[in-house]
Amino acid sequence: MTEPIETITDQTLTMNQIEDGYYYQRCHFTSYGDSLNYTDIVFDHCDFEQTDFSRVSFGNVEWHRSQLAGSDFSRSNWYNCKISSMQLSGADFNNSYFKNTSFKDCKMPYANFTESRFETMEFKDCDLTGSFFQALKVKKSISYTGSILTEANFSETKLKGFDLKDSEFETLVISPELARGLIVNQYQAATIIGLFGIKVE
């Protein structure tokens, strides 16, 4: 993102006081905002009373170290965003759109991305245990380097081009007929074969 206009530190603000182009550090945001667009903003170590961000668009936003477990981001849009060290357990991102966006070092078990669209997407070192990636539509690349995907659900998702070789999982839910083109390492391949009911002796 561009150089911030100003850094706002250690303030208590309402959501409607958020301005595009600003860097917010250790701020507390009260109430619920009526804005549906946030652009060129950094949130760093901020906390929010708002948990409903459905239908909101985020552009060139960096969001670091907030606690938003269980929040509603359904039908939201994310363009060129960087999200890191967030607590997003059980967060709902269903029917959302992500382009050139990354999640890094986030706690996201049981997050829901069902029926979302990804266009160049990265999950790096995230805990995605039991998360839902059902019926995704993916363009370009998607990677899960260093992320935990045990019990993640990819059913009804075409897995061609999905790169899971640098992720960790003990088991996955996938649709066998849509697994063609999935990239895994040799150890994961045995797990995938087992999902199809095939025994290797």
Protein backbone atom coordinates (compact mmCIF):
# COMPACT_ATOMS: atom_id res chain seq x y z
CA MET A 1 0.00 0.00 0.00
CA THR A 2 1.01 3.63 -0.28
CA GLU A 3 2.63 5.56 2.57
CA PRO A 4 -0.04 6.21 5.24
CA ILE A 5 -1.33 9.75 5.66
CA GLU A 6 -0.99 9.52 9.43
CA THR A 7 -0.53 6.95 12.20
CA ILE A 8 -3.25 6.89 14.86
CA THR A 9 -2.07 5.22 18.07
CA ASP A 10 -3.79 4.13 21.31
CA GLN A 11 -7.14 5.75 20.52
CA THR A 12 -10.73 4.69 21.17
CA LEU A 13 -12.74 5.37 18.03
CA THR A 14 -16.03 4.46 16.43
CA MET A 15 -16.00 2.45 13.22
CA ASN A 16 -17.37 5.46 11.37
CA GLN A 17 -14.24 7.43 12.27
CA ILE A 18 -12.02 5.12 10.24
CA GLU A 19 -10.52 6.98 7.28
CA ASP A 20 -8.93 5.52 4.17
CA GLY A 21 -5.18 5.89 3.96
CA TYR A 22 -4.51 5.81 7.73
CA TYR A 23 -2.43 3.48 9.91
CA TYR A 24 -4.22 2.45 13.12
CA GLN A 25 -2.08 0.96 15.88
CA ARG A 26 -3.38 -0.44 19.19
CA CYS A 27 -6.74 1.27 18.69
CA HIS A 28 -10.07 0.15 20.13
CA PHE A 29 -13.04 0.44 17.78
CA THR A 30 -16.47 0.66 19.38
CA SER A 31 -19.94 0.27 17.88
CA TYR A 32 -20.78 -0.88 14.39
CA GLY A 33 -19.88 1.06 11.25
CA ASP A 34 -22.00 1.58 8.19
CA SER A 35 -19.09 1.75 5.74
CA LEU A 36 -18.96 -0.97 3.11
CA ASN A 37 -15.49 -0.08 1.81
CA TYR A 38 -12.09 0.17 3.49
CA THR A 39 -9.09 1.12 1.32
CA ASP A 40 -5.35 1.68 1.94
CA ILE A 41 -5.64 1.05 5.69
CA VAL A 42 -3.41 -0.72 8.21
CA PHE A 43 -4.92 -2.19 11.39
CA ASP A 44 -2.15 -3.29 13.78
CA HIS A 45 -2.90 -4.75 17.25
CA CYS A 46 -6.40 -3.21 17.12
CA ASP A 47 -9.53 -4.65 18.73
CA PHE A 48 -13.08 -4.42 17.47
CA GLU A 49 -16.51 -4.68 19.04
CA GLN A 50 -17.95 -5.22 15.57
CA THR A 51 -18.17 -8.84 14.48
CA ASP A 52 -20.32 -8.43 11.36
CA PHE A 53 -18.25 -7.47 8.31
CA SER A 54 -20.52 -9.16 5.78
CA ARG A 55 -20.69 -7.58 2.31
CA VAL A 56 -17.75 -5.26 3.13
CA SER A 57 -14.98 -4.65 0.56
CA PHE A 58 -11.33 -4.36 1.59
CA GLY A 59 -8.75 -2.96 -0.84
CA ASN A 60 -5.00 -2.74 -0.11
CA VAL A 61 -5.71 -3.40 3.56
CA GLU A 62 -3.15 -4.84 5.99
CA TRP A 63 -4.70 -6.36 9.11
CA HIS A 64 -2.42 -7.69 11.85
CA ARG A 65 -2.93 -9.21 15.30
CA SER A 66 -6.66 -8.78 15.94
CA GLN A 67 -9.03 -11.17 17.71
CA LEU A 68 -12.02 -11.79 15.44
CA ALA A 69 -12.95 -15.42 16.11
CA GLY A 70 -16.44 -16.27 14.90
CA SER A 71 -16.83 -13.03 12.95
CA ASP A 72 -19.04 -12.81 9.86
CA PHE A 73 -17.17 -11.88 6.66
CA SER A 74 -19.66 -13.57 4.34
CA ARG A 75 -20.00 -12.09 0.86
CA SER A 76 -17.01 -9.80 1.50
CA ASN A 77 -14.43 -8.78 -1.11
CA TRP A 78 -10.65 -8.64 -0.63
CA TYR A 79 -8.23 -7.08 -3.11
CA ASN A 80 -4.44 -6.98 -2.55
CA CYS A 81 -4.78 -7.57 1.20
CA LYS A 82 -2.33 -8.96 3.75
CA ILE A 83 -3.76 -10.56 6.88
CA SER A 84 -1.37 -11.86 9.54
CA SER A 85 -1.27 -13.20 13.10
CA MET A 86 -5.06 -13.00 13.38
CA GLN A 87 -7.39 -15.09 15.54
CA LEU A 88 -10.10 -16.10 13.07
CA SER A 89 -11.33 -19.41 14.50
CA GLY A 90 -14.74 -20.24 13.05
CA ALA A 91 -14.87 -17.04 10.98
CA ASP A 92 -17.39 -17.16 8.14
CA PHE A 93 -16.07 -16.10 4.70
CA ASN A 94 -18.64 -17.98 2.63
CA ASN A 95 -19.44 -16.60 -0.84
CA SER A 96 -16.54 -14.13 -0.65
CA TYR A 97 -14.03 -13.01 -3.30
CA PHE A 98 -10.27 -12.83 -2.77
CA LYS A 99 -7.71 -11.51 -5.27
CA ASN A 100 -3.96 -11.25 -4.61
CA THR A 101 -4.56 -11.80 -0.90
CA SER A 102 -2.56 -13.65 1.74
CA PHE A 103 -3.17 -15.02 5.22
CA LYS A 104 -0.02 -15.58 7.29
CA ASP A 105 0.39 -17.07 10.78
CA CYS A 106 -3.37 -16.99 11.39
CA LYS A 107 -5.38 -19.24 13.70
CA MET A 108 -8.30 -20.26 11.50
CA PRO A 109 -9.63 -23.67 12.56
CA TYR A 110 -13.16 -24.28 11.26
CA ALA A 111 -13.14 -21.12 9.12
CA ASN A 112 -15.70 -21.31 6.33
CA PHE A 113 -14.76 -20.38 2.74
CA THR A 114 -17.57 -22.35 1.09
CA GLU A 115 -18.52 -21.18 -2.42
CA SER A 116 -15.89 -18.43 -2.38
CA ARG A 117 -13.75 -17.35 -5.34
CA PHE A 118 -9.95 -17.21 -5.10
CA GLU A 119 -7.70 -15.50 -7.63
CA THR A 120 -4.05 -15.79 -6.54
CA MET A 121 -4.41 -16.74 -2.89
CA GLU A 122 -1.91 -17.78 -0.22
CA PHE A 123 -2.27 -19.35 3.21
CA LYS A 124 1.16 -19.46 4.89
CA ASP A 125 1.77 -21.08 8.29
CA CYS A 126 -1.95 -20.98 9.16
CA ASP A 127 -3.96 -23.40 11.30
CA LEU A 128 -6.85 -24.39 9.03
CA THR A 129 -7.86 -27.55 10.90
CA GLY A 130 -11.39 -28.57 9.96
CA SER A 131 -11.92 -25.54 7.73
CA PHE A 132 -14.39 -25.56 4.85
CA PHE A 133 -13.24 -25.01 1.25
CA GLN A 134 -16.27 -26.54 -0.42
CA ALA A 135 -17.37 -25.63 -3.95
CA LEU A 136 -14.54 -23.12 -4.43
CA LYS A 137 -13.82 -21.44 -7.74
CA VAL A 138 -10.11 -20.81 -8.17
CA LYS A 139 -8.15 -18.88 -10.80
CA LYS A 140 -4.37 -18.74 -11.09
CA SER A 141 -2.56 -19.99 -7.98
CA ILE A 142 -3.42 -21.14 -4.50
CA SER A 143 -0.91 -22.39 -1.91
CA TYR A 144 -0.97 -23.60 1.68
CA THR A 145 2.75 -23.57 2.58
CA GLY A 146 3.35 -24.57 6.20
CA SER A 147 -0.38 -24.64 6.96
CA ILE A 148 -2.29 -27.34 8.86
CA LEU A 149 -5.19 -28.77 6.85
CA THR A 150 -6.17 -31.84 8.86
CA GLU A 151 -9.89 -32.60 8.36
CA ALA A 152 -10.29 -29.63 6.00
CA ASN A 153 -13.22 -30.13 3.64
CA PHE A 154 -12.61 -29.62 -0.12
CA SER A 155 -15.65 -31.52 -1.34
CA GLU A 156 -17.25 -30.24 -4.58
CA THR A 157 -14.05 -28.30 -5.35
CA LYS A 158 -11.95 -28.97 -8.47
CA LEU A 159 -8.44 -29.45 -7.08
CA LYS A 160 -6.47 -29.02 -10.30
CA GLY A 161 -3.51 -26.75 -9.52
CA PHE A 162 -4.01 -26.86 -5.74
CA ASP A 163 -0.54 -27.15 -4.18
CA LEU A 164 -0.71 -28.98 -0.86
CA LYS A 165 2.77 -30.52 -0.89
CA ASP A 166 4.16 -28.10 1.71
CA SER A 167 1.12 -28.29 4.00
CA GLU A 168 0.37 -30.74 6.79
CA PHE A 169 -2.66 -33.00 7.06
CA GLU A 170 -3.60 -36.38 8.48
CA THR A 171 -6.83 -36.63 6.56
CA LEU A 172 -8.87 -34.51 4.14
CA VAL A 173 -12.39 -34.53 2.74
CA ILE A 174 -12.27 -34.34 -1.06
CA SER A 175 -14.40 -35.36 -4.00
CA PRO A 176 -12.36 -38.12 -5.73
CA GLU A 177 -13.76 -37.27 -9.16
CA LEU A 178 -12.45 -33.68 -8.76
CA ALA A 179 -8.98 -34.56 -7.42
CA ARG A 180 -7.22 -34.68 -10.81
CA GLY A 181 -4.28 -32.26 -10.88
CA LEU A 182 -3.93 -31.97 -7.09
CA ILE A 183 -0.27 -31.51 -6.09
CA VAL A 184 0.90 -33.46 -3.01
CA ASN A 185 4.18 -34.94 -1.80
CA GLN A 186 4.95 -38.68 -1.69
CA TYR A 187 3.96 -39.04 1.97
CA GLN A 188 0.65 -37.28 1.47
CA ALA A 189 -0.05 -39.42 -1.58
CA ALA A 190 -0.51 -42.48 0.66
CA THR A 191 -3.11 -40.58 2.68
CA ILE A 192 -4.94 -39.49 -0.47
CA ILE A 193 -4.93 -43.04 -1.83
CA GLY A 194 -6.44 -44.21 1.44
CA LEU A 195 -9.31 -41.77 1.00
CA PHE A 196 -10.23 -43.65 -2.16
CA GLY A 197 -10.37 -46.95 -0.27
CA ILE A 198 -7.21 -48.26 -1.91
CA LYS A 199 -4.81 -50.33 0.21
CA VAL A 200 -1.09 -50.30 -0.51
CA GLU A 201 0.70 -53.44 0.69
